[in-house]
Amino acid sequence: MSSDQNGRDPVVRLFGALLMGVGVLMMTLCGLCSLAALVFTGGSGSEAGGMLLLVLVIGGVPIAVGFGIFWLGRWLRRPKAR
């Protein structure tokens, strides 16, 4: 038997690859946006700590969702357990 017969359906593997791509894009774009917000609003002293917390709370949620989507796609790409 070939490895394709032991693996998942090709459509499921393609969907997993698409989910991985969406997850990477979400993490990258949300991370860059959070970084830009932190750099361009840059406060000084105690304002910087508050701004960092705000950026982590607002930008961290979509980054975490993107990470979850990436791992779901990775799980779908894995071969079936025997």
Protein backbone atom coordinates (compact mmCIF):
# COMPACT_ATOMS: atom_id res chain seq x y z
CA MET A 1 0.00 0.00 0.00
CA SER A 2 1.15 3.51 -0.73
CA SER A 3 1.43 6.18 1.92
CA ASP A 4 -1.55 8.03 0.36
CA GLN A 5 -3.84 5.13 1.17
CA ASN A 6 -2.77 5.19 4.82
CA GLY A 7 -3.10 8.97 5.13
CA ARG A 8 -6.02 11.32 5.31
CA ASP A 9 -8.26 12.29 2.43
CA PRO A 10 -6.45 14.73 0.09
CA VAL A 11 -9.27 17.26 0.46
CA VAL A 12 -8.85 17.23 4.25
CA ARG A 13 -5.10 17.65 3.84
CA LEU A 14 -5.64 20.60 1.46
CA PHE A 15 -8.08 22.20 3.90
CA GLY A 16 -5.50 21.71 6.66
CA ALA A 17 -2.85 23.43 4.54
CA LEU A 18 -5.23 26.33 3.87
CA LEU A 19 -5.96 26.65 7.58
CA MET A 20 -2.24 26.69 8.31
CA GLY A 21 -1.77 29.50 5.78
CA VAL A 22 -4.63 31.53 7.26
CA GLY A 23 -3.25 31.02 10.76
CA VAL A 24 0.23 32.16 9.76
CA LEU A 25 -1.19 35.22 8.00
CA MET A 26 -3.30 36.12 11.04
CA MET A 27 -0.37 35.79 13.42
CA THR A 28 1.95 37.75 11.14
CA LEU A 29 -0.39 40.60 10.26
CA CYS A 30 -1.79 41.00 13.78
CA GLY A 31 1.71 40.87 15.23
CA LEU A 32 2.98 43.51 12.82
CA CYS A 33 -0.04 45.70 13.50
CA SER A 34 0.47 45.37 17.25
CA LEU A 35 4.14 46.21 16.86
CA ALA A 36 3.33 49.25 14.72
CA ALA A 37 0.75 50.44 17.26
CA LEU A 38 3.29 50.08 20.04
CA VAL A 39 6.08 51.85 18.16
CA PHE A 40 4.07 54.72 16.67
CA THR A 41 2.08 55.56 19.79
CA GLY A 42 5.17 55.11 21.97
CA GLY A 43 4.75 56.69 25.34
CA SER A 44 7.47 57.44 27.80
CA GLY A 45 7.88 56.12 31.32
CA SER A 46 4.74 54.67 32.87
CA GLU A 47 2.70 55.30 29.71
CA ALA A 48 4.80 52.76 27.82
CA GLY A 49 3.89 49.99 30.27
CA GLY A 50 0.19 50.73 29.98
CA MET A 51 0.41 50.90 26.22
CA LEU A 52 2.26 47.58 26.10
CA LEU A 53 -0.46 45.96 28.20
CA LEU A 54 -3.17 47.41 25.96
CA VAL A 55 -1.45 46.19 22.80
CA LEU A 56 -0.93 42.72 24.29
CA VAL A 57 -4.58 42.42 25.32
CA ILE A 58 -6.08 43.76 22.07
CA GLY A 59 -3.51 42.29 19.67
CA GLY A 60 -2.85 39.09 21.59
CA VAL A 61 -6.34 37.66 21.15
CA PRO A 62 -6.26 37.52 17.33
CA ILE A 63 -2.69 36.22 17.47
CA ALA A 64 -3.84 33.42 19.79
CA VAL A 65 -6.77 32.63 17.47
CA GLY A 66 -4.39 32.51 14.50
CA PHE A 67 -2.15 30.14 16.46
CA GLY A 68 -5.15 27.90 17.18
CA ILE A 69 -6.15 27.88 13.50
CA PHE A 70 -2.57 27.01 12.55
CA TRP A 71 -2.49 24.06 14.95
CA LEU A 72 -5.90 22.83 13.76
CA GLY A 73 -4.61 22.87 10.19
CA ARG A 74 -1.46 21.07 11.26
CA TRP A 75 -3.55 18.42 13.02
CA LEU A 76 -5.60 17.91 9.83
CA ARG A 77 -2.43 17.49 7.76
CA ARG A 78 -1.11 14.67 9.94
CA PRO A 79 -1.62 11.11 8.76
CA LYS A 80 -4.32 9.05 10.47
CA ALA A 81 -3.29 7.01 13.47
CA ARG A 82 -3.42 3.30 12.80
